[in-house]
Amino acid sequence: MARRALGPARLQLVNATRAALNASDTALLVACSGGADSLALASAASVVAQRQSRRIAAVVVDHGLQSGSAAVAEGAAVQLEALGVEDVRVLSVSVGDSGGPEAAAREARYLALGAEAARTGSTVLLGHTLDDQAETVLLGLARGSGTRSLAGMARRVGPFLRPLLGVPRAVTEAACLELGMTPWRDPHNADPTYARTRVRHRVLPMLEGELGPGIATALARTAGLARDDADLLDRLAAEAHQRVLFAGTLDCEGLAGLPRALRGRVIRDWLGVNGVRDVGQAHVAAVEALVVDWHGQGAIDVPGLAVRRVAGRLTVSA
């Protein structure tokens, strides 16, 4: 591919991608939907890979949930090849129904991408932007899920890396214009049935109008601060967990002496270790009452198990 001059938007993306990579990211695997964010990321990653002698490939995941999805996937592959990404794979995945269509599609997509990363020894680049981060923070705030939810998406988790978390969506769209590319517009992104769509098209614009510009940037900054706090609390909770853990049970006296922020995390982690999925705050609060409001109450039911206080210890049973 002939070398193109970098316009201002593409230059910003190239700089962001280069800054996010480290020496271990020798092979890059761009996850691309054909939308503006992932196409723009692929363009930037291709430039960085060429300049730094890193291997690059791309994967287009076809969820098969919409009519014509195979054609959309093939169109994205053609555009990726035009960007200079020679190794492009289209993966068809089977989407279940657990947790709703969005969650099921996300789970299937990440499983496929994780498998490709393991097979090729690659770092998977995801095209989430600053606007996506702001939306995630608002959704977490609406759920009342606590500090970890407000922390939004991490820049790096396992093989997955999000180089554009500090870059507004407007920049990825401008980069596609610079490239002369027409990105795919996912109709789900305009469907008000989805909470994220309502946040994107109604809530954030309303906040910008009422509170002034820069809301998305402020929310993304909040995510970074919340992540720092959540990481520290999780580390302290893991240490506390070991101090109050005895042969698989939790010592109630030791738990009662912990700050509430740590006690709730220890209980949540302990339930998770015992195989409890979808632990909600109501479950944690009910189990916590066995520790701080003990008056001889019976077992607390959590998904798949029962928690009891026996001889000053919390125990689980089927």
C-alpha atoms as a PDB file:
ATOM      1  CA  MET A   1       0.000   0.000   0.000  1.00  0.00           C
ATOM      2  CA  ALA A   2       1.303   3.416  -0.899  1.00  0.00           C
ATOM      3  CA  ARG A   3       2.263   5.441   2.144  1.00  0.00           C
ATOM      4  CA  ARG A   4      -0.285   8.125   2.968  1.00  0.00           C
ATOM      5  CA  ALA A   5       0.415  11.388   4.682  1.00  0.00           C
ATOM      6  CA  LEU A   6      -1.082  11.415   8.163  1.00  0.00           C
ATOM      7  CA  GLY A   7      -3.866  13.921   8.718  1.00  0.00           C
ATOM      8  CA  PRO A   8      -4.305  15.425  12.201  1.00  0.00           C
ATOM      9  CA  ALA A   9      -6.877  12.848  13.308  1.00  0.00           C
ATOM     10  CA  ARG A  10      -4.838   9.867  12.166  1.00  0.00           C
ATOM     11  CA  LEU A  11      -1.717  11.349  13.726  1.00  0.00           C
ATOM     12  CA  GLN A  12      -3.505  11.625  17.076  1.00  0.00           C
ATOM     13  CA  LEU A  13      -4.573   7.984  16.828  1.00  0.00           C
ATOM     14  CA  VAL A  14      -1.099   6.822  15.854  1.00  0.00           C
ATOM     15  CA  ASN A  15       0.388   8.648  18.843  1.00  0.00           C
ATOM     16  CA  ALA A  16      -2.222   7.195  21.207  1.00  0.00           C
ATOM     17  CA  THR A  17      -1.652   3.669  19.899  1.00  0.00           C
ATOM     18  CA  ARG A  18       2.120   3.950  20.096  1.00  0.00           C
ATOM     19  CA  ALA A  19       1.936   5.265  23.667  1.00  0.00           C
ATOM     20  CA  ALA A  20      -0.303   2.382  24.790  1.00  0.00           C
ATOM     21  CA  LEU A  21       1.997  -0.375  23.527  1.00  0.00           C
ATOM     22  CA  ASN A  22       4.938  -1.831  25.407  1.00  0.00           C
ATOM     23  CA  ALA A  23       7.842  -4.053  24.452  1.00  0.00           C
ATOM     24  CA  SER A  24       5.867  -7.273  25.015  1.00  0.00           C
ATOM     25  CA  ASP A  25       3.277  -6.331  22.383  1.00  0.00           C
ATOM     26  CA  THR A  26       5.250  -7.798  19.510  1.00  0.00           C
ATOM     27  CA  ALA A  27       2.182  -9.080  17.638  1.00  0.00           C
ATOM     28  CA  LEU A  28      -0.982  -6.986  17.297  1.00  0.00           C
ATOM     29  CA  LEU A  29      -4.452  -8.336  16.565  1.00  0.00           C
ATOM     30  CA  VAL A  30      -7.022  -5.629  15.810  1.00  0.00           C
ATOM     31  CA  ALA A  31     -10.643  -6.497  16.586  1.00  0.00           C
ATOM     32  CA  CYS A  32     -12.685  -4.804  13.874  1.00  0.00           C
ATOM     33  CA  SER A  33     -16.429  -4.497  13.374  1.00  0.00           C
ATOM     34  CA  GLY A  34     -16.192  -2.269  10.330  1.00  0.00           C
ATOM     35  CA  GLY A  35     -17.300   0.726  12.390  1.00  0.00           C
ATOM     36  CA  ALA A  36     -15.428   4.011  12.573  1.00  0.00           C
ATOM     37  CA  ASP A  37     -13.663   3.311  15.869  1.00  0.00           C
ATOM     38  CA  SER A  38     -12.175  -0.048  14.921  1.00  0.00           C
ATOM     39  CA  LEU A  39     -11.314   0.962  11.349  1.00  0.00           C
ATOM     40  CA  ALA A  40      -9.523   4.054  12.593  1.00  0.00           C
ATOM     41  CA  LEU A  41      -7.694   1.962  15.191  1.00  0.00           C
ATOM     42  CA  ALA A  42      -6.653  -0.531  12.507  1.00  0.00           C
ATOM     43  CA  SER A  43      -5.287   2.320  10.420  1.00  0.00           C
ATOM     44  CA  ALA A  44      -3.230   3.650  13.328  1.00  0.00           C
ATOM     45  CA  ALA A  45      -2.052   0.203  14.397  1.00  0.00           C
ATOM     46  CA  SER A  46      -0.951  -0.574  10.845  1.00  0.00           C
ATOM     47  CA  VAL A  47       1.229   2.551  10.808  1.00  0.00           C
ATOM     48  CA  VAL A  48       2.726   1.775  14.207  1.00  0.00           C
ATOM     49  CA  ALA A  49       3.339  -1.880  13.309  1.00  0.00           C
ATOM     50  CA  GLN A  50       5.136  -0.912  10.111  1.00  0.00           C
ATOM     51  CA  ARG A  51       7.312   1.687  11.813  1.00  0.00           C
ATOM     52  CA  GLN A  52       8.178  -0.499  14.809  1.00  0.00           C
ATOM     53  CA  SER A  53       8.440  -3.887  13.039  1.00  0.00           C
ATOM     54  CA  ARG A  54       5.561  -5.455  14.933  1.00  0.00           C
ATOM     55  CA  ARG A  55       3.407  -8.162  13.380  1.00  0.00           C
ATOM     56  CA  ILE A  56      -0.194  -7.142  12.740  1.00  0.00           C
ATOM     57  CA  ALA A  57      -3.353  -9.030  11.896  1.00  0.00           C
ATOM     58  CA  ALA A  58      -7.054  -8.335  12.267  1.00  0.00           C
ATOM     59  CA  VAL A  59     -10.150 -10.310  13.184  1.00  0.00           C
ATOM     60  CA  VAL A  60     -13.707  -9.489  12.165  1.00  0.00           C
ATOM     61  CA  VAL A  61     -16.259 -11.293  14.335  1.00  0.00           C
ATOM     62  CA  ASP A  62     -19.563 -12.161  12.664  1.00  0.00           C
ATOM     63  CA  HIS A  63     -22.175 -12.680  15.379  1.00  0.00           C
ATOM     64  CA  GLY A  64     -24.824 -13.689  12.850  1.00  0.00           C
ATOM     65  CA  LEU A  65     -27.470 -11.681  14.693  1.00  0.00           C
ATOM     66  CA  GLN A  66     -28.514  -9.422  11.820  1.00  0.00           C
ATOM     67  CA  SER A  67     -29.551 -10.058   8.260  1.00  0.00           C
ATOM     68  CA  GLY A  68     -26.556  -9.544   5.992  1.00  0.00           C
ATOM     69  CA  SER A  69     -24.019  -9.800   8.816  1.00  0.00           C
ATOM     70  CA  ALA A  70     -21.730 -11.996   6.706  1.00  0.00           C
ATOM     71  CA  ALA A  71     -21.612  -9.335   3.975  1.00  0.00           C
ATOM     72  CA  VAL A  72     -20.833  -6.659   6.582  1.00  0.00           C
ATOM     73  CA  ALA A  73     -17.980  -8.787   7.933  1.00  0.00           C
ATOM     74  CA  GLU A  74     -16.547  -9.367   4.466  1.00  0.00           C
ATOM     75  CA  GLY A  75     -16.817  -5.643   3.712  1.00  0.00           C
ATOM     76  CA  ALA A  76     -14.859  -4.855   6.870  1.00  0.00           C
ATOM     77  CA  ALA A  77     -12.202  -7.368   5.822  1.00  0.00           C
ATOM     78  CA  VAL A  78     -11.832  -5.662   2.427  1.00  0.00           C
ATOM     79  CA  GLN A  79     -11.408  -2.269   4.105  1.00  0.00           C
ATOM     80  CA  LEU A  80      -8.807  -3.665   6.477  1.00  0.00           C
ATOM     81  CA  GLU A  81      -6.808  -5.038   3.590  1.00  0.00           C
ATOM     82  CA  ALA A  82      -6.985  -1.614   1.937  1.00  0.00           C
ATOM     83  CA  LEU A  83      -5.414  -0.202   5.093  1.00  0.00           C
ATOM     84  CA  GLY A  84      -2.437  -2.496   4.676  1.00  0.00           C
ATOM     85  CA  VAL A  85      -3.462  -5.251   7.100  1.00  0.00           C
ATOM     86  CA  GLU A  86      -2.705  -8.318   5.024  1.00  0.00           C
ATOM     87  CA  ASP A  87      -3.645 -10.997   7.571  1.00  0.00           C
ATOM     88  CA  VAL A  88      -7.406 -10.604   8.094  1.00  0.00           C
ATOM     89  CA  ARG A  89      -9.661 -13.341   9.432  1.00  0.00           C
ATOM     90  CA  VAL A  90     -13.449 -13.443   9.636  1.00  0.00           C
ATOM     91  CA  LEU A  91     -14.708 -15.533  12.557  1.00  0.00           C
ATOM     92  CA  SER A  92     -18.330 -16.652  12.846  1.00  0.00           C
ATOM     93  CA  VAL A  93     -19.435 -17.194  16.427  1.00  0.00           C
ATOM     94  CA  SER A  94     -22.448 -18.782  18.046  1.00  0.00           C
ATOM     95  CA  VAL A  95     -24.245 -16.390  20.390  1.00  0.00           C
ATOM     96  CA  GLY A  96     -26.208 -17.795  23.312  1.00  0.00           C
ATOM     97  CA  ASP A  97     -28.954 -16.101  25.289  1.00  0.00           C
ATOM     98  CA  SER A  98     -27.450 -15.768  28.761  1.00  0.00           C
ATOM     99  CA  GLY A  99     -27.794 -12.258  30.190  1.00  0.00           C
ATOM    100  CA  GLY A 100     -29.544 -10.799  27.147  1.00  0.00           C
ATOM    101  CA  PRO A 101     -28.391 -10.292  23.543  1.00  0.00           C
ATOM    102  CA  GLU A 102     -25.740  -7.640  24.252  1.00  0.00           C
ATOM    103  CA  ALA A 103     -24.062  -9.620  27.023  1.00  0.00           C
ATOM    104  CA  ALA A 104     -24.262 -12.890  25.096  1.00  0.00           C
ATOM    105  CA  ALA A 105     -22.752 -11.351  21.960  1.00  0.00           C
ATOM    106  CA  ARG A 106     -19.981  -9.739  24.017  1.00  0.00           C
ATOM    107  CA  GLU A 107     -19.172 -13.044  25.726  1.00  0.00           C
ATOM    108  CA  ALA A 108     -19.026 -14.907  22.396  1.00  0.00           C
ATOM    109  CA  ARG A 109     -16.875 -12.175  20.853  1.00  0.00           C
ATOM    110  CA  TYR A 110     -14.362 -12.054  23.694  1.00  0.00           C
ATOM    111  CA  LEU A 111     -14.078 -15.844  23.805  1.00  0.00           C
ATOM    112  CA  ALA A 112     -13.265 -15.893  20.084  1.00  0.00           C
ATOM    113  CA  LEU A 113     -10.783 -13.022  20.359  1.00  0.00           C
ATOM    114  CA  GLY A 114      -9.136 -14.549  23.424  1.00  0.00           C
ATOM    115  CA  ALA A 115      -8.709 -17.849  21.614  1.00  0.00           C
ATOM    116  CA  GLU A 116      -7.098 -16.091  18.639  1.00  0.00           C
ATOM    117  CA  ALA A 117      -4.800 -14.163  20.979  1.00  0.00           C
ATOM    118  CA  ALA A 118      -3.690 -17.379  22.666  1.00  0.00           C
ATOM    119  CA  ARG A 119      -3.185 -19.156  19.345  1.00  0.00           C
ATOM    120  CA  THR A 120      -1.082 -16.388  17.820  1.00  0.00           C
ATOM    121  CA  GLY A 121       0.574 -14.893  20.893  1.00  0.00           C
ATOM    122  CA  SER A 122      -0.977 -11.524  20.092  1.00  0.00           C
ATOM    123  CA  THR A 123      -2.214  -8.490  21.966  1.00  0.00           C
ATOM    124  CA  VAL A 124      -5.828  -7.792  20.995  1.00  0.00           C
ATOM    125  CA  LEU A 125      -6.484  -4.122  20.261  1.00  0.00           C
ATOM    126  CA  LEU A 126     -10.025  -2.912  20.989  1.00  0.00           C
ATOM    127  CA  GLY A 127     -11.421   0.330  19.595  1.00  0.00           C
ATOM    128  CA  HIS A 128     -13.221   1.699  22.667  1.00  0.00           C
ATOM    129  CA  THR A 129     -12.963   5.471  22.910  1.00  0.00           C
ATOM    130  CA  LEU A 130     -13.263   8.145  25.582  1.00  0.00           C
ATOM    131  CA  ASP A 131     -16.973   8.423  24.759  1.00  0.00           C
ATOM    132  CA  ASP A 132     -17.457   4.693  25.320  1.00  0.00           C
ATOM    133  CA  GLN A 133     -15.754   5.077  28.689  1.00  0.00           C
ATOM    134  CA  ALA A 134     -18.045   7.966  29.653  1.00  0.00           C
ATOM    135  CA  GLU A 135     -21.113   5.925  28.693  1.00  0.00           C
ATOM    136  CA  THR A 136     -19.857   2.995  30.760  1.00  0.00           C
ATOM    137  CA  VAL A 137     -19.400   5.202  33.826  1.00  0.00           C
ATOM    138  CA  LEU A 138     -22.917   6.607  33.519  1.00  0.00           C
ATOM    139  CA  LEU A 139     -24.394   3.118  33.151  1.00  0.00           C
ATOM    140  CA  GLY A 140     -22.473   1.973  36.205  1.00  0.00           C
ATOM    141  CA  LEU A 141     -23.697   4.981  38.165  1.00  0.00           C
ATOM    142  CA  ALA A 142     -27.287   4.188  37.188  1.00  0.00           C
ATOM    143  CA  ARG A 143     -26.899   0.611  38.424  1.00  0.00           C
ATOM    144  CA  GLY A 144     -25.508   1.746  41.774  1.00  0.00           C
ATOM    145  CA  SER A 145     -22.801  -0.901  41.450  1.00  0.00           C
ATOM    146  CA  GLY A 146     -20.056   0.755  43.460  1.00  0.00           C
ATOM    147  CA  THR A 147     -16.538   1.980  42.817  1.00  0.00           C
ATOM    148  CA  ARG A 148     -15.465  -0.864  40.550  1.00  0.00           C
ATOM    149  CA  SER A 149     -18.363  -0.213  38.196  1.00  0.00           C
ATOM    150  CA  LEU A 150     -17.578   3.511  38.124  1.00  0.00           C
ATOM    151  CA  ALA A 151     -14.013   2.622  37.167  1.00  0.00           C
ATOM    152  CA  GLY A 152     -15.277   1.792  33.700  1.00  0.00           C
ATOM    153  CA  MET A 153     -13.140  -0.176  31.271  1.00  0.00           C
ATOM    154  CA  ALA A 154      -9.512  -0.920  32.013  1.00  0.00           C
ATOM    155  CA  ARG A 155      -6.925   0.057  29.415  1.00  0.00           C
ATOM    156  CA  ARG A 156      -5.281  -3.375  29.616  1.00  0.00           C
ATOM    157  CA  VAL A 157      -6.744  -6.660  30.871  1.00  0.00           C
ATOM    158  CA  GLY A 158      -4.957  -9.886  30.009  1.00  0.00           C
ATOM    159  CA  PRO A 159      -4.399  -9.975  26.229  1.00  0.00           C
ATOM    160  CA  PHE A 160      -6.827  -7.081  25.606  1.00  0.00           C
ATOM    161  CA  LEU A 161      -5.642  -3.494  25.157  1.00  0.00           C
ATOM    162  CA  ARG A 162      -7.713  -0.353  24.546  1.00  0.00           C
ATOM    163  CA  PRO A 163      -5.328   2.261  23.121  1.00  0.00           C
ATOM    164  CA  LEU A 164      -8.014   4.879  22.366  1.00  0.00           C
ATOM    165  CA  LEU A 165      -9.664   5.270  25.789  1.00  0.00           C
ATOM    166  CA  GLY A 166      -8.374   8.829  25.965  1.00  0.00           C
ATOM    167  CA  VAL A 167      -9.440   9.749  22.421  1.00  0.00           C
ATOM    168  CA  PRO A 168     -12.925  11.158  21.597  1.00  0.00           C
ATOM    169  CA  ARG A 169     -15.107   9.332  19.087  1.00  0.00           C
ATOM    170  CA  ALA A 170     -15.089  12.446  16.898  1.00  0.00           C
ATOM    171  CA  VAL A 171     -11.409  11.793  16.208  1.00  0.00           C
ATOM    172  CA  THR A 172     -11.992   8.252  14.924  1.00  0.00           C
ATOM    173  CA  GLU A 173     -14.765   9.523  12.665  1.00  0.00           C
ATOM    174  CA  ALA A 174     -12.494  12.298  11.376  1.00  0.00           C
ATOM    175  CA  ALA A 175      -9.770   9.738  10.685  1.00  0.00           C
ATOM    176  CA  CYS A 176     -12.151   7.730   8.508  1.00  0.00           C
ATOM    177  CA  LEU A 177     -12.907  10.903   6.566  1.00  0.00           C
ATOM    178  CA  GLU A 178      -9.198  11.487   6.096  1.00  0.00           C
ATOM    179  CA  LEU A 179      -8.910   7.952   4.745  1.00  0.00           C
ATOM    180  CA  GLY A 180     -11.894   8.367   2.460  1.00  0.00           C
ATOM    181  CA  MET A 181     -13.586   5.374   4.090  1.00  0.00           C
ATOM    182  CA  THR A 182     -17.266   4.902   4.835  1.00  0.00           C
ATOM    183  CA  PRO A 183     -17.576   2.965   8.098  1.00  0.00           C
ATOM    184  CA  TRP A 184     -20.445   0.603   8.835  1.00  0.00           C
ATOM    185  CA  ARG A 185     -23.186   2.020  11.055  1.00  0.00           C
ATOM    186  CA  ASP A 186     -24.479  -0.664  13.401  1.00  0.00           C
ATOM    187  CA  PRO A 187     -28.279  -0.257  13.566  1.00  0.00           C
ATOM    188  CA  HIS A 188     -28.175  -1.436  17.200  1.00  0.00           C
ATOM    189  CA  ASN A 189     -26.329   1.786  18.039  1.00  0.00           C
ATOM    190  CA  ALA A 190     -29.445   3.745  17.069  1.00  0.00           C
ATOM    191  CA  ASP A 191     -31.966   1.428  18.766  1.00  0.00           C
ATOM    192  CA  PRO A 192     -33.361   3.123  21.901  1.00  0.00           C
ATOM    193  CA  THR A 193     -34.223  -0.307  23.294  1.00  0.00           C
ATOM    194  CA  TYR A 194     -30.632  -0.480  24.499  1.00  0.00           C
ATOM    195  CA  ALA A 195     -29.639   1.558  27.548  1.00  0.00           C
ATOM    196  CA  ARG A 196     -26.266   2.466  26.071  1.00  0.00           C
ATOM    197  CA  THR A 197     -27.971   3.921  23.000  1.00  0.00           C
ATOM    198  CA  ARG A 198     -30.151   6.134  25.180  1.00  0.00           C
ATOM    199  CA  VAL A 199     -27.114   7.270  27.144  1.00  0.00           C
ATOM    200  CA  ARG A 200     -25.236   8.052  23.916  1.00  0.00           C
ATOM    201  CA  HIS A 201     -27.968   9.924  22.072  1.00  0.00           C
ATOM    202  CA  ARG A 202     -30.067  11.399  24.889  1.00  0.00           C
ATOM    203  CA  VAL A 203     -28.388  11.467  28.304  1.00  0.00           C
ATOM    204  CA  LEU A 204     -24.887  12.671  27.416  1.00  0.00           C
ATOM    205  CA  PRO A 205     -26.121  15.387  25.011  1.00  0.00           C
ATOM    206  CA  MET A 206     -28.571  16.555  27.689  1.00  0.00           C
ATOM    207  CA  LEU A 207     -25.782  16.742  30.275  1.00  0.00           C
ATOM    208  CA  GLU A 208     -23.582  18.638  27.839  1.00  0.00           C
ATOM    209  CA  GLY A 209     -26.421  21.079  27.200  1.00  0.00           C
ATOM    210  CA  GLU A 210     -27.249  21.619  30.855  1.00  0.00           C
ATOM    211  CA  LEU A 211     -23.769  21.503  32.420  1.00  0.00           C
ATOM    212  CA  GLY A 212     -21.558  22.622  29.569  1.00  0.00           C
ATOM    213  CA  PRO A 213     -19.054  20.870  27.308  1.00  0.00           C
ATOM    214  CA  GLY A 214     -16.448  18.408  28.551  1.00  0.00           C
ATOM    215  CA  ILE A 215     -18.797  16.009  30.373  1.00  0.00           C
ATOM    216  CA  ALA A 216     -17.469  12.940  28.559  1.00  0.00           C
ATOM    217  CA  THR A 217     -13.891  13.915  29.373  1.00  0.00           C
ATOM    218  CA  ALA A 218     -14.788  14.489  33.034  1.00  0.00           C
ATOM    219  CA  LEU A 219     -16.541  11.122  33.272  1.00  0.00           C
ATOM    220  CA  ALA A 220     -13.565   9.351  31.717  1.00  0.00           C
ATOM    221  CA  ARG A 221     -11.276  11.116  34.198  1.00  0.00           C
ATOM    222  CA  THR A 222     -13.576   9.968  37.018  1.00  0.00           C
ATOM    223  CA  ALA A 223     -13.198   6.397  35.751  1.00  0.00           C
ATOM    224  CA  GLY A 224      -9.416   6.644  36.082  1.00  0.00           C
ATOM    225  CA  LEU A 225      -9.626   7.989  39.624  1.00  0.00           C
ATOM    226  CA  ALA A 226     -12.218   5.403  40.633  1.00  0.00           C
ATOM    227  CA  ARG A 227     -10.055   2.628  39.165  1.00  0.00           C
ATOM    228  CA  ASP A 228      -7.084   3.714  41.273  1.00  0.00           C
ATOM    229  CA  ASP A 229      -9.278   3.637  44.405  1.00  0.00           C
ATOM    230  CA  ALA A 230     -10.895   0.304  43.488  1.00  0.00           C
ATOM    231  CA  ASP A 231      -7.525  -1.324  42.767  1.00  0.00           C
ATOM    232  CA  LEU A 232      -6.216  -0.265  46.181  1.00  0.00           C
ATOM    233  CA  LEU A 233      -9.353  -1.433  48.015  1.00  0.00           C
ATOM    234  CA  ASP A 234      -9.319  -4.759  46.170  1.00  0.00           C
ATOM    235  CA  ARG A 235      -5.684  -5.320  47.122  1.00  0.00           C
ATOM    236  CA  LEU A 236      -6.376  -4.498  50.788  1.00  0.00           C
ATOM    237  CA  ALA A 237      -9.464  -6.731  50.718  1.00  0.00           C
ATOM    238  CA  ALA A 238      -7.451  -9.645  49.309  1.00  0.00           C
ATOM    239  CA  GLU A 239      -4.983  -9.283  52.180  1.00  0.00           C
ATOM    240  CA  ALA A 240      -7.809  -9.059  54.729  1.00  0.00           C
ATOM    241  CA  HIS A 241      -9.481 -12.107  53.161  1.00  0.00           C
ATOM    242  CA  GLN A 242      -6.451 -14.221  53.962  1.00  0.00           C
ATOM    243  CA  ARG A 243      -6.393 -12.976  57.568  1.00  0.00           C
ATOM    244  CA  VAL A 244     -10.003 -13.978  58.283  1.00  0.00           C
ATOM    245  CA  LEU A 245     -10.086 -17.199  56.231  1.00  0.00           C
ATOM    246  CA  PHE A 246      -9.940 -20.485  58.141  1.00  0.00           C
ATOM    247  CA  ALA A 247     -10.358 -23.788  56.314  1.00  0.00           C
ATOM    248  CA  GLY A 248     -12.755 -22.247  53.828  1.00  0.00           C
ATOM    249  CA  THR A 249     -14.813 -20.377  56.437  1.00  0.00           C
ATOM    250  CA  LEU A 250     -14.703 -16.712  57.448  1.00  0.00           C
ATOM    251  CA  ASP A 251     -14.082 -15.640  61.024  1.00  0.00           C
ATOM    252  CA  CYS A 252     -16.924 -13.325  62.047  1.00  0.00           C
ATOM    253  CA  GLU A 253     -14.952 -11.477  64.718  1.00  0.00           C
ATOM    254  CA  GLY A 254     -12.204 -10.692  62.229  1.00  0.00           C
ATOM    255  CA  LEU A 255     -14.747  -9.601  59.620  1.00  0.00           C
ATOM    256  CA  ALA A 256     -16.545  -7.348  62.092  1.00  0.00           C
ATOM    257  CA  GLY A 257     -13.290  -5.512  62.777  1.00  0.00           C
ATOM    258  CA  LEU A 258     -12.777  -4.605  59.126  1.00  0.00           C
ATOM    259  CA  PRO A 259     -13.896  -1.292  57.619  1.00  0.00           C
ATOM    260  CA  ARG A 260     -17.181  -1.766  55.803  1.00  0.00           C
ATOM    261  CA  ALA A 261     -15.591  -1.100  52.399  1.00  0.00           C
ATOM    262  CA  LEU A 262     -13.236  -4.033  52.942  1.00  0.00           C
ATOM    263  CA  ARG A 263     -15.736  -6.315  54.682  1.00  0.00           C
ATOM    264  CA  GLY A 264     -18.158  -6.202  51.762  1.00  0.00           C
ATOM    265  CA  ARG A 265     -15.381  -6.961  49.281  1.00  0.00           C
ATOM    266  CA  VAL A 266     -14.135  -9.891  51.365  1.00  0.00           C
ATOM    267  CA  ILE A 267     -17.647 -11.354  51.518  1.00  0.00           C
ATOM    268  CA  ARG A 268     -18.177 -10.857  47.777  1.00  0.00           C
ATOM    269  CA  ASP A 269     -14.828 -12.475  46.946  1.00  0.00           C
ATOM    270  CA  TRP A 270     -15.474 -15.379  49.328  1.00  0.00           C
ATOM    271  CA  LEU A 271     -18.855 -16.061  47.757  1.00  0.00           C
ATOM    272  CA  GLY A 272     -17.222 -15.976  44.335  1.00  0.00           C
ATOM    273  CA  VAL A 273     -14.527 -18.454  45.399  1.00  0.00           C
ATOM    274  CA  ASN A 274     -17.330 -20.764  46.533  1.00  0.00           C
ATOM    275  CA  GLY A 275     -18.926 -20.656  43.102  1.00  0.00           C
ATOM    276  CA  VAL A 276     -21.642 -18.067  43.649  1.00  0.00           C
ATOM    277  CA  ARG A 277     -22.272 -16.196  40.406  1.00  0.00           C
ATOM    278  CA  ASP A 278     -24.036 -12.857  39.949  1.00  0.00           C
ATOM    279  CA  VAL A 279     -23.418 -11.720  43.515  1.00  0.00           C
ATOM    280  CA  GLY A 280     -25.561  -8.640  44.097  1.00  0.00           C
ATOM    281  CA  GLN A 281     -25.280  -6.013  46.792  1.00  0.00           C
ATOM    282  CA  ALA A 282     -28.430  -7.390  48.448  1.00  0.00           C
ATOM    283  CA  HIS A 283     -26.700 -10.770  48.853  1.00  0.00           C
ATOM    284  CA  VAL A 284     -23.602  -9.161  50.347  1.00  0.00           C
ATOM    285  CA  ALA A 285     -25.675  -7.057  52.761  1.00  0.00           C
ATOM    286  CA  ALA A 286     -27.696 -10.072  53.912  1.00  0.00           C
ATOM    287  CA  VAL A 287     -24.548 -12.117  54.574  1.00  0.00           C
ATOM    288  CA  GLU A 288     -22.920  -9.129  56.271  1.00  0.00           C
ATOM    289  CA  ALA A 289     -25.855  -8.990  58.695  1.00  0.00           C
ATOM    290  CA  LEU A 290     -24.787 -12.428  59.972  1.00  0.00           C
ATOM    291  CA  VAL A 291     -21.581 -10.694  61.082  1.00  0.00           C
ATOM    292  CA  VAL A 292     -22.580  -7.236  62.321  1.00  0.00           C
ATOM    293  CA  ASP A 293     -26.248  -7.801  63.258  1.00  0.00           C
ATOM    294  CA  TRP A 294     -26.172 -11.342  64.592  1.00  0.00           C
ATOM    295  CA  HIS A 295     -29.252 -12.370  66.613  1.00  0.00           C
ATOM    296  CA  GLY A 296     -29.487 -16.056  65.804  1.00  0.00           C
ATOM    297  CA  GLN A 297     -31.031 -15.737  62.335  1.00  0.00           C
ATOM    298  CA  GLY A 298     -31.091 -18.669  59.962  1.00  0.00           C
ATOM    299  CA  ALA A 299     -29.362 -19.328  56.666  1.00  0.00           C
ATOM    300  CA  ILE A 300     -29.059 -16.673  53.987  1.00  0.00           C
ATOM    301  CA  ASP A 301     -29.829 -17.917  50.479  1.00  0.00           C
ATOM    302  CA  VAL A 302     -27.472 -16.802  47.719  1.00  0.00           C
ATOM    303  CA  PRO A 303     -27.487 -18.104  44.124  1.00  0.00           C
ATOM    304  CA  GLY A 304     -26.849 -21.853  44.381  1.00  0.00           C
ATOM    305  CA  LEU A 305     -25.824 -21.917  48.055  1.00  0.00           C
ATOM    306  CA  ALA A 306     -26.826 -21.101  51.621  1.00  0.00           C
ATOM    307  CA  VAL A 307     -24.639 -19.151  54.058  1.00  0.00           C
ATOM    308  CA  ARG A 308     -24.843 -19.826  57.789  1.00  0.00           C
ATOM    309  CA  ARG A 309     -23.102 -18.574  60.883  1.00  0.00           C
ATOM    310  CA  VAL A 310     -21.831 -21.566  62.874  1.00  0.00           C
ATOM    311  CA  ALA A 311     -19.651 -21.195  65.981  1.00  0.00           C
ATOM    312  CA  GLY A 312     -18.552 -17.725  64.993  1.00  0.00           C
ATOM    313  CA  ARG A 313     -17.692 -18.653  61.413  1.00  0.00           C
ATOM    314  CA  LEU A 314     -19.461 -18.116  58.089  1.00  0.00           C
ATOM    315  CA  THR A 315     -19.939 -21.390  56.226  1.00  0.00           C
ATOM    316  CA  VAL A 316     -21.567 -22.348  52.926  1.00  0.00           C
ATOM    317  CA  SER A 317     -23.612 -25.391  51.974  1.00  0.00           C
ATOM    318  CA  ALA A 318     -25.608 -26.506  48.952  1.00  0.00           C
END
